[in-house]
Amino acid sequence: MRSILLLASFSAAALAVTSTEANSATCVTSSASSTDTATWTIDYALVDAPVTGTGYDIEPSFVAAYGFNNTMQLSITHDSNATDYASFKCQFACNGNQGCVAFFGRFVNVNTDEENYECLSFKTLLDESSFTTSTSNMAVGGFNKLCS
């Protein structure tokens, strides 16, 4: 009985280390994202969206826990053809935050006079738990830092 308890404790400790290591990752092994025109190179990997299209956003609790307390905003609307440029600039906003490993671009205040592109930077990588499908914003996409 004692050896079973010891084995269970060891297994739980091993799982905890694995989970901690996964949460502390600071980059992904993938290929760089490319824009449709290939004019604006994004040196981050595109994160798979939870749905097809733009009907998703960053989970507010994820922003509160892992976001930097600043956003970059550009006066660009969703119907412009400057979305690739906005994502390109968003990576520079992330690079300007020490410890930033991911960013997410979205259009906020869609179809109003205040519509703009907003970039959020994060201290941890994005994954499926980072997103919500409950939103009035339009997603451009999430990007994770590439390992060198």
C-alpha atoms as a PDB file:
ATOM      1  CA  MET A   1       0.000   0.000   0.000  1.00  0.00           C
ATOM      2  CA  ARG A   2       2.836   2.363   0.864  1.00  0.00           C
ATOM      3  CA  SER A   3       4.470   1.864  -2.567  1.00  0.00           C
ATOM      4  CA  ILE A   4       1.161   2.601  -4.333  1.00  0.00           C
ATOM      5  CA  LEU A   5       0.795   5.905  -2.465  1.00  0.00           C
ATOM      6  CA  LEU A   6       4.397   6.789  -3.218  1.00  0.00           C
ATOM      7  CA  LEU A   7       3.895   5.975  -6.901  1.00  0.00           C
ATOM      8  CA  ALA A   8       0.701   8.076  -7.004  1.00  0.00           C
ATOM      9  CA  SER A   9       2.512  11.010  -5.390  1.00  0.00           C
ATOM     10  CA  PHE A  10       5.404  10.691  -7.838  1.00  0.00           C
ATOM     11  CA  SER A  11       3.008  10.542 -10.810  1.00  0.00           C
ATOM     12  CA  ALA A  12       1.144  13.641  -9.626  1.00  0.00           C
ATOM     13  CA  ALA A  13       4.423  15.509  -9.207  1.00  0.00           C
ATOM     14  CA  ALA A  14       5.529  14.499 -12.706  1.00  0.00           C
ATOM     15  CA  LEU A  15       2.237  15.730 -14.160  1.00  0.00           C
ATOM     16  CA  ALA A  16       2.553  19.026 -12.310  1.00  0.00           C
ATOM     17  CA  VAL A  17       6.019  19.600 -13.765  1.00  0.00           C
ATOM     18  CA  THR A  18       4.787  18.842 -17.270  1.00  0.00           C
ATOM     19  CA  SER A  19       1.859  21.226 -16.861  1.00  0.00           C
ATOM     20  CA  THR A  20       4.086  23.970 -15.468  1.00  0.00           C
ATOM     21  CA  GLU A  21       6.570  23.554 -18.297  1.00  0.00           C
ATOM     22  CA  ALA A  22       3.786  23.836 -20.875  1.00  0.00           C
ATOM     23  CA  ASN A  23       2.437  27.011 -19.266  1.00  0.00           C
ATOM     24  CA  SER A  24       5.891  28.581 -19.102  1.00  0.00           C
ATOM     25  CA  ALA A  25       6.710  28.066 -22.797  1.00  0.00           C
ATOM     26  CA  THR A  26       7.770  31.304 -24.440  1.00  0.00           C
ATOM     27  CA  CYS A  27       7.774  30.285 -28.098  1.00  0.00           C
ATOM     28  CA  VAL A  28       6.463  27.754 -30.596  1.00  0.00           C
ATOM     29  CA  THR A  29       8.159  25.710 -33.291  1.00  0.00           C
ATOM     30  CA  SER A  30       6.310  26.507 -36.496  1.00  0.00           C
ATOM     31  CA  SER A  31       6.672  28.663 -39.570  1.00  0.00           C
ATOM     32  CA  ALA A  32       6.266  32.412 -39.775  1.00  0.00           C
ATOM     33  CA  SER A  33       2.883  33.746 -40.727  1.00  0.00           C
ATOM     34  CA  SER A  34       2.681  35.431 -44.086  1.00  0.00           C
ATOM     35  CA  THR A  35       0.162  37.968 -45.255  1.00  0.00           C
ATOM     36  CA  ASP A  36      -1.855  37.554 -48.439  1.00  0.00           C
ATOM     37  CA  THR A  37       0.327  40.022 -50.284  1.00  0.00           C
ATOM     38  CA  ALA A  38       3.578  38.867 -48.624  1.00  0.00           C
ATOM     39  CA  THR A  39       4.413  42.575 -48.338  1.00  0.00           C
ATOM     40  CA  TRP A  40       4.235  42.566 -44.552  1.00  0.00           C
ATOM     41  CA  THR A  41       6.185  39.713 -42.979  1.00  0.00           C
ATOM     42  CA  ILE A  42       4.989  38.607 -39.567  1.00  0.00           C
ATOM     43  CA  ASP A  43       7.684  36.721 -37.652  1.00  0.00           C
ATOM     44  CA  TYR A  44       5.153  34.982 -35.406  1.00  0.00           C
ATOM     45  CA  ALA A  45       3.099  31.817 -35.947  1.00  0.00           C
ATOM     46  CA  LEU A  46      -0.620  32.204 -36.581  1.00  0.00           C
ATOM     47  CA  VAL A  47      -2.710  30.562 -33.840  1.00  0.00           C
ATOM     48  CA  ASP A  48      -5.575  28.338 -34.995  1.00  0.00           C
ATOM     49  CA  ALA A  49      -8.887  30.140 -34.588  1.00  0.00           C
ATOM     50  CA  PRO A  50     -11.631  28.443 -32.552  1.00  0.00           C
ATOM     51  CA  VAL A  51     -14.151  29.081 -35.357  1.00  0.00           C
ATOM     52  CA  THR A  52     -14.104  29.833 -39.066  1.00  0.00           C
ATOM     53  CA  GLY A  53     -14.237  33.539 -39.813  1.00  0.00           C
ATOM     54  CA  THR A  54     -13.920  36.534 -37.514  1.00  0.00           C
ATOM     55  CA  GLY A  55     -16.560  35.744 -34.865  1.00  0.00           C
ATOM     56  CA  TYR A  56     -14.223  35.196 -31.950  1.00  0.00           C
ATOM     57  CA  ASP A  57     -12.196  37.267 -29.509  1.00  0.00           C
ATOM     58  CA  ILE A  58      -9.819  37.009 -26.573  1.00  0.00           C
ATOM     59  CA  GLU A  59     -11.429  35.761 -23.367  1.00  0.00           C
ATOM     60  CA  PRO A  60     -11.606  38.789 -20.980  1.00  0.00           C
ATOM     61  CA  SER A  61     -10.247  36.730 -18.063  1.00  0.00           C
ATOM     62  CA  PHE A  62      -7.237  35.778 -20.222  1.00  0.00           C
ATOM     63  CA  VAL A  63      -6.577  39.467 -20.939  1.00  0.00           C
ATOM     64  CA  ALA A  64      -6.807  40.272 -17.218  1.00  0.00           C
ATOM     65  CA  ALA A  65      -4.426  37.459 -16.259  1.00  0.00           C
ATOM     66  CA  TYR A  66      -1.811  37.652 -19.033  1.00  0.00           C
ATOM     67  CA  GLY A  67      -2.232  40.919 -20.936  1.00  0.00           C
ATOM     68  CA  PHE A  68       0.038  43.910 -20.747  1.00  0.00           C
ATOM     69  CA  ASN A  69      -1.682  47.051 -19.506  1.00  0.00           C
ATOM     70  CA  ASN A  70      -1.382  48.766 -22.855  1.00  0.00           C
ATOM     71  CA  THR A  71      -2.933  48.379 -26.278  1.00  0.00           C
ATOM     72  CA  MET A  72      -1.953  49.696 -29.661  1.00  0.00           C
ATOM     73  CA  GLN A  73      -4.728  51.221 -31.724  1.00  0.00           C
ATOM     74  CA  LEU A  74      -4.665  52.160 -35.392  1.00  0.00           C
ATOM     75  CA  SER A  75      -7.290  54.175 -37.258  1.00  0.00           C
ATOM     76  CA  ILE A  76      -8.055  51.349 -39.671  1.00  0.00           C
ATOM     77  CA  THR A  77     -11.486  49.865 -40.377  1.00  0.00           C
ATOM     78  CA  HIS A  78     -12.339  46.260 -41.184  1.00  0.00           C
ATOM     79  CA  ASP A  79     -13.342  47.128 -44.749  1.00  0.00           C
ATOM     80  CA  SER A  80      -9.961  48.667 -45.573  1.00  0.00           C
ATOM     81  CA  ASN A  81      -7.204  46.671 -47.183  1.00  0.00           C
ATOM     82  CA  ALA A  82      -4.740  47.601 -44.429  1.00  0.00           C
ATOM     83  CA  THR A  83      -5.414  44.622 -42.139  1.00  0.00           C
ATOM     84  CA  ASP A  84      -2.113  42.950 -43.068  1.00  0.00           C
ATOM     85  CA  TYR A  85      -0.251  46.165 -42.300  1.00  0.00           C
ATOM     86  CA  ALA A  86      -2.018  46.438 -38.925  1.00  0.00           C
ATOM     87  CA  SER A  87      -0.978  42.898 -37.951  1.00  0.00           C
ATOM     88  CA  PHE A  88       2.552  43.664 -39.121  1.00  0.00           C
ATOM     89  CA  LYS A  89       2.654  46.725 -36.829  1.00  0.00           C
ATOM     90  CA  CYS A  90       1.085  44.753 -33.979  1.00  0.00           C
ATOM     91  CA  GLN A  91       4.132  42.477 -33.803  1.00  0.00           C
ATOM     92  CA  PHE A  92       6.276  45.568 -33.165  1.00  0.00           C
ATOM     93  CA  ALA A  93       3.982  46.594 -30.308  1.00  0.00           C
ATOM     94  CA  CYS A  94       4.454  43.119 -28.813  1.00  0.00           C
ATOM     95  CA  ASN A  95       8.223  43.284 -29.337  1.00  0.00           C
ATOM     96  CA  GLY A  96       8.222  46.583 -27.441  1.00  0.00           C
ATOM     97  CA  ASN A  97       6.854  44.908 -24.301  1.00  0.00           C
ATOM     98  CA  GLN A  98       9.582  43.007 -22.465  1.00  0.00           C
ATOM     99  CA  GLY A  99       8.369  39.434 -22.004  1.00  0.00           C
ATOM    100  CA  CYS A 100       5.697  39.578 -24.708  1.00  0.00           C
ATOM    101  CA  VAL A 101       5.309  36.198 -26.434  1.00  0.00           C
ATOM    102  CA  ALA A 102       1.957  36.592 -28.237  1.00  0.00           C
ATOM    103  CA  PHE A 103      -0.400  39.178 -29.667  1.00  0.00           C
ATOM    104  CA  PHE A 104      -3.980  39.381 -30.903  1.00  0.00           C
ATOM    105  CA  GLY A 105      -5.442  41.826 -33.415  1.00  0.00           C
ATOM    106  CA  ARG A 106      -9.108  42.770 -33.645  1.00  0.00           C
ATOM    107  CA  PHE A 107     -11.453  45.473 -34.850  1.00  0.00           C
ATOM    108  CA  VAL A 108     -13.432  47.139 -32.067  1.00  0.00           C
ATOM    109  CA  ASN A 109     -16.484  49.418 -32.272  1.00  0.00           C
ATOM    110  CA  VAL A 110     -17.239  47.810 -35.639  1.00  0.00           C
ATOM    111  CA  ASN A 111     -19.420  49.807 -38.057  1.00  0.00           C
ATOM    112  CA  THR A 112     -19.310  52.955 -35.918  1.00  0.00           C
ATOM    113  CA  ASP A 113     -17.405  56.213 -36.282  1.00  0.00           C
ATOM    114  CA  GLU A 114     -15.028  54.960 -33.560  1.00  0.00           C
ATOM    115  CA  GLU A 115     -14.089  51.699 -35.310  1.00  0.00           C
ATOM    116  CA  ASN A 116     -10.370  50.930 -35.137  1.00  0.00           C
ATOM    117  CA  TYR A 117      -7.838  48.142 -35.097  1.00  0.00           C
ATOM    118  CA  GLU A 118      -6.716  47.156 -31.604  1.00  0.00           C
ATOM    119  CA  CYS A 119      -3.666  45.091 -30.731  1.00  0.00           C
ATOM    120  CA  LEU A 120      -3.322  43.240 -27.416  1.00  0.00           C
ATOM    121  CA  SER A 121       0.026  41.833 -26.231  1.00  0.00           C
ATOM    122  CA  PHE A 122       0.428  38.862 -23.877  1.00  0.00           C
ATOM    123  CA  LYS A 123       2.947  37.370 -21.435  1.00  0.00           C
ATOM    124  CA  THR A 124       1.949  33.797 -22.320  1.00  0.00           C
ATOM    125  CA  LEU A 125       1.257  31.900 -25.518  1.00  0.00           C
ATOM    126  CA  LEU A 126      -2.241  31.795 -26.974  1.00  0.00           C
ATOM    127  CA  ASP A 127      -4.156  28.521 -27.285  1.00  0.00           C
ATOM    128  CA  GLU A 128      -7.807  27.434 -27.545  1.00  0.00           C
ATOM    129  CA  SER A 129      -8.472  28.446 -23.925  1.00  0.00           C
ATOM    130  CA  SER A 130      -7.526  32.043 -24.777  1.00  0.00           C
ATOM    131  CA  PHE A 131     -10.577  32.636 -26.969  1.00  0.00           C
ATOM    132  CA  THR A 132     -14.311  33.221 -26.684  1.00  0.00           C
ATOM    133  CA  THR A 133     -16.983  33.236 -29.376  1.00  0.00           C
ATOM    134  CA  SER A 134     -19.089  35.772 -27.496  1.00  0.00           C
ATOM    135  CA  THR A 135     -18.112  39.113 -28.996  1.00  0.00           C
ATOM    136  CA  SER A 136     -19.179  42.151 -30.953  1.00  0.00           C
ATOM    137  CA  ASN A 137     -15.591  42.664 -32.138  1.00  0.00           C
ATOM    138  CA  MET A 138     -14.071  41.206 -35.317  1.00  0.00           C
ATOM    139  CA  ALA A 139     -10.978  39.065 -34.925  1.00  0.00           C
ATOM    140  CA  VAL A 140      -7.999  39.473 -37.212  1.00  0.00           C
ATOM    141  CA  GLY A 141      -6.042  36.744 -35.448  1.00  0.00           C
ATOM    142  CA  GLY A 142      -3.698  35.616 -32.731  1.00  0.00           C
ATOM    143  CA  PHE A 143       0.029  35.067 -33.145  1.00  0.00           C
ATOM    144  CA  ASN A 144       2.636  33.260 -31.009  1.00  0.00           C
ATOM    145  CA  LYS A 145       6.360  34.013 -30.923  1.00  0.00           C
ATOM    146  CA  LEU A 146       8.564  31.617 -32.904  1.00  0.00           C
ATOM    147  CA  CYS A 147      11.515  29.827 -31.326  1.00  0.00           C
ATOM    148  CA  SER A 148      14.806  30.956 -32.847  1.00  0.00           C
END
